[in-house]
Amino acid sequence: MKLPRDLSGAELVKKLGTLGYRETRQTGSHIRLTCATPEHII
């Protein structure tokens, strides 16, 4: 799977949020996301 290169990090986090992912913590520019459902959507 090829990752889109035309999205910023904030846009990607926002789009993943619509799929059930949420930001759990951030250290500098690194963001950790977790999925609320036990099964992965992607």
PDB file of N, CA and C in Angstrom:
ATOM      1  N   MET A   1       0.834  -1.162   0.000  1.00  0.00           N
ATOM      2  CA  MET A   1       0.000   0.000   0.000  1.00  0.00           C
ATOM      3  C   MET A   1       0.891   1.240   0.000  1.00  0.00           C
ATOM      4  N   LYS A   2       0.628   2.145  -0.909  1.00  0.00           N
ATOM      5  CA  LYS A   2       1.402   3.368  -1.002  1.00  0.00           C
ATOM      6  C   LYS A   2       0.726   4.469  -0.183  1.00  0.00           C
ATOM      7  N   LEU A   3       1.510   5.147   0.628  1.00  0.00           N
ATOM      8  CA  LEU A   3       0.976   6.214   1.463  1.00  0.00           C
ATOM      9  C   LEU A   3       0.837   7.501   0.659  1.00  0.00           C
ATOM     10  N   PRO A   4      -0.226   8.259   0.898  1.00  0.00           N
ATOM     11  CA  PRO A   4      -0.359   9.536   0.200  1.00  0.00           C
ATOM     12  C   PRO A   4       0.672  10.547   0.707  1.00  0.00           C
ATOM     13  N   ARG A   5       1.331  11.228  -0.194  1.00  0.00           N
ATOM     14  CA  ARG A   5       2.373  12.189   0.184  1.00  0.00           C
ATOM     15  C   ARG A   5       1.865  13.631   0.153  1.00  0.00           C
ATOM     16  N   ASP A   6       0.605  13.844  -0.267  1.00  0.00           N
ATOM     17  CA  ASP A   6       0.096  15.201  -0.363  1.00  0.00           C
ATOM     18  C   ASP A   6      -0.701  15.624   0.874  1.00  0.00           C
ATOM     19  N   LEU A   7      -0.670  14.827   1.951  1.00  0.00           N
ATOM     20  CA  LEU A   7      -1.364  15.167   3.193  1.00  0.00           C
ATOM     21  C   LEU A   7      -0.357  15.611   4.241  1.00  0.00           C
ATOM     22  N   SER A   8      -0.742  16.582   5.039  1.00  0.00           N
ATOM     23  CA  SER A   8       0.094  16.949   6.179  1.00  0.00           C
ATOM     24  C   SER A   8      -0.213  15.981   7.323  1.00  0.00           C
ATOM     25  N   GLY A   9       0.595  16.007   8.351  1.00  0.00           N
ATOM     26  CA  GLY A   9       0.359  15.136   9.499  1.00  0.00           C
ATOM     27  C   GLY A   9      -0.971  15.414  10.170  1.00  0.00           C
ATOM     28  N   ALA A  10      -1.317  16.697  10.297  1.00  0.00           N
ATOM     29  CA  ALA A  10      -2.587  17.066  10.937  1.00  0.00           C
ATOM     30  C   ALA A  10      -3.781  16.589  10.115  1.00  0.00           C
ATOM     31  N   GLU A  11      -3.674  16.686   8.796  1.00  0.00           N
ATOM     32  CA  GLU A  11      -4.765  16.218   7.927  1.00  0.00           C
ATOM     33  C   GLU A  11      -4.923  14.706   8.021  1.00  0.00           C
ATOM     34  N   LEU A  12      -3.806  13.987   8.093  1.00  0.00           N
ATOM     35  CA  LEU A  12      -3.860  12.536   8.209  1.00  0.00           C
ATOM     36  C   LEU A  12      -4.495  12.114   9.528  1.00  0.00           C
ATOM     37  N   VAL A  13      -4.137  12.777  10.625  1.00  0.00           N
ATOM     38  CA  VAL A  13      -4.726  12.470  11.932  1.00  0.00           C
ATOM     39  C   VAL A  13      -6.228  12.724  11.898  1.00  0.00           C
ATOM     40  N   LYS A  14      -6.642  13.801  11.255  1.00  0.00           N
ATOM     41  CA  LYS A  14      -8.062  14.131  11.167  1.00  0.00           C
ATOM     42  C   LYS A  14      -8.823  13.067  10.360  1.00  0.00           C
ATOM     43  N   LYS A  15      -8.249  12.626   9.250  1.00  0.00           N
ATOM     44  CA  LYS A  15      -8.907  11.609   8.425  1.00  0.00           C
ATOM     45  C   LYS A  15      -8.953  10.259   9.136  1.00  0.00           C
ATOM     46  N   LEU A  16      -7.874   9.903   9.847  1.00  0.00           N
ATOM     47  CA  LEU A  16      -7.886   8.656  10.607  1.00  0.00           C
ATOM     48  C   LEU A  16      -8.883   8.735  11.765  1.00  0.00           C
ATOM     49  N   GLY A  17      -9.114   9.934  12.285  1.00  0.00           N
ATOM     50  CA  GLY A  17     -10.105  10.115  13.335  1.00  0.00           C
ATOM     51  C   GLY A  17     -11.504   9.760  12.863  1.00  0.00           C
ATOM     52  N   THR A  18     -11.807   9.995  11.591  1.00  0.00           N
ATOM     53  CA  THR A  18     -13.119   9.622  11.065  1.00  0.00           C
ATOM     54  C   THR A  18     -13.264   8.108  10.950  1.00  0.00           C
ATOM     55  N   LEU A  19     -12.136   7.385  10.967  1.00  0.00           N
ATOM     56  CA  LEU A  19     -12.164   5.919  10.889  1.00  0.00           C
ATOM     57  C   LEU A  19     -12.123   5.257  12.262  1.00  0.00           C
ATOM     58  N   GLY A  20     -12.129   6.050  13.328  1.00  0.00           N
ATOM     59  CA  GLY A  20     -12.161   5.479  14.670  1.00  0.00           C
ATOM     60  C   GLY A  20     -10.865   5.569  15.433  1.00  0.00           C
ATOM     61  N   TYR A  21      -9.832   6.161  14.845  1.00  0.00           N
ATOM     62  CA  TYR A  21      -8.563   6.318  15.547  1.00  0.00           C
ATOM     63  C   TYR A  21      -8.578   7.626  16.324  1.00  0.00           C
ATOM     64  N   ARG A  22      -7.877   7.631  17.462  1.00  0.00           N
ATOM     65  CA  ARG A  22      -7.772   8.867  18.226  1.00  0.00           C
ATOM     66  C   ARG A  22      -6.340   9.017  18.730  1.00  0.00           C
ATOM     67  N   GLU A  23      -5.958  10.263  18.936  1.00  0.00           N
ATOM     68  CA  GLU A  23      -4.614  10.566  19.404  1.00  0.00           C
ATOM     69  C   GLU A  23      -4.524  10.272  20.890  1.00  0.00           C
ATOM     70  N   THR A  24      -3.560   9.439  21.279  1.00  0.00           N
ATOM     71  CA  THR A  24      -3.408   9.118  22.689  1.00  0.00           C
ATOM     72  C   THR A  24      -2.302   9.936  23.340  1.00  0.00           C
ATOM     73  N   ARG A  25      -1.249  10.229  22.592  1.00  0.00           N
ATOM     74  CA  ARG A  25      -0.196  11.080  23.140  1.00  0.00           C
ATOM     75  C   ARG A  25       0.654  11.630  22.007  1.00  0.00           C
ATOM     76  N   GLN A  26       1.409  12.662  22.335  1.00  0.00           N
ATOM     77  CA  GLN A  26       2.297  13.278  21.362  1.00  0.00           C
ATOM     78  C   GLN A  26       3.583  13.657  22.049  1.00  0.00           C
ATOM     79  N   THR A  27       4.694  13.299  21.432  1.00  0.00           N
ATOM     80  CA  THR A  27       6.008  13.679  21.912  1.00  0.00           C
ATOM     81  C   THR A  27       6.724  14.373  20.764  1.00  0.00           C
ATOM     82  N   GLY A  28       6.840  15.668  20.851  1.00  0.00           N
ATOM     83  CA  GLY A  28       7.439  16.428  19.753  1.00  0.00           C
ATOM     84  C   GLY A  28       6.544  16.358  18.529  1.00  0.00           C
ATOM     85  N   SER A  29       7.095  15.884  17.419  1.00  0.00           N
ATOM     86  CA  SER A  29       6.303  15.779  16.197  1.00  0.00           C
ATOM     87  C   SER A  29       5.731  14.373  16.006  1.00  0.00           C
ATOM     88  N   HIS A  30       5.987  13.463  16.945  1.00  0.00           N
ATOM     89  CA  HIS A  30       5.499  12.087  16.828  1.00  0.00           C
ATOM     90  C   HIS A  30       4.169  11.946  17.556  1.00  0.00           C
ATOM     91  N   ILE A  31       3.193  11.405  16.861  1.00  0.00           N
ATOM     92  CA  ILE A  31       1.851  11.246  17.423  1.00  0.00           C
ATOM     93  C   ILE A  31       1.526   9.768  17.482  1.00  0.00           C
ATOM     94  N   ARG A  32       1.033   9.314  18.617  1.00  0.00           N
ATOM     95  CA  ARG A  32       0.589   7.925  18.753  1.00  0.00           C
ATOM     96  C   ARG A  32      -0.928   7.892  18.667  1.00  0.00           C
ATOM     97  N   LEU A  33      -1.438   7.030  17.792  1.00  0.00           N
ATOM     98  CA  LEU A  33      -2.873   6.870  17.603  1.00  0.00           C
ATOM     99  C   LEU A  33      -3.279   5.476  18.043  1.00  0.00           C
ATOM    100  N   THR A  34      -4.464   5.358  18.603  1.00  0.00           N
ATOM    101  CA  THR A  34      -5.031   4.058  18.932  1.00  0.00           C
ATOM    102  C   THR A  34      -6.418   3.974  18.345  1.00  0.00           C
ATOM    103  N   CYS A  35      -6.851   2.756  18.125  1.00  0.00           N
ATOM    104  CA  CYS A  35      -8.180   2.518  17.555  1.00  0.00           C
ATOM    105  C   CYS A  35      -9.127   2.128  18.677  1.00  0.00           C
ATOM    106  N   ALA A  36     -10.318   2.699  18.660  1.00  0.00           N
ATOM    107  CA  ALA A  36     -11.298   2.444  19.722  1.00  0.00           C
ATOM    108  C   ALA A  36     -11.883   1.038  19.616  1.00  0.00           C
ATOM    109  N   THR A  37     -11.950   0.492  18.417  1.00  0.00           N
ATOM    110  CA  THR A  37     -12.524  -0.849  18.247  1.00  0.00           C
ATOM    111  C   THR A  37     -11.388  -1.877  18.252  1.00  0.00           C
ATOM    112  N   PRO A  38     -11.662  -3.081  18.737  1.00  0.00           N
ATOM    113  CA  PRO A  38     -10.609  -4.092  18.773  1.00  0.00           C
ATOM    114  C   PRO A  38     -10.180  -4.569  17.380  1.00  0.00           C
ATOM    115  N   GLU A  39     -11.058  -4.488  16.406  1.00  0.00           N
ATOM    116  CA  GLU A  39     -10.705  -4.902  15.036  1.00  0.00           C
ATOM    117  C   GLU A  39     -10.262  -3.667  14.272  1.00  0.00           C
ATOM    118  N   HIS A  40      -9.239  -3.822  13.498  1.00  0.00           N
ATOM    119  CA  HIS A  40      -8.753  -2.702  12.701  1.00  0.00           C
ATOM    120  C   HIS A  40      -9.629  -2.534  11.469  1.00  0.00           C
ATOM    121  N   ILE A  41      -9.926  -1.287  11.147  1.00  0.00           N
ATOM    122  CA  ILE A  41     -10.773  -0.991  10.000  1.00  0.00           C
ATOM    123  C   ILE A  41      -9.972  -1.072   8.708  1.00  0.00           C
ATOM    124  N   ILE A  42      -8.720  -0.642   8.770  1.00  0.00           N
ATOM    125  CA  ILE A  42      -7.892  -0.591   7.562  1.00  0.00           C
ATOM    126  C   ILE A  42      -7.192  -1.914   7.362  1.00  0.00           C
TER     127      ILE A  42
END
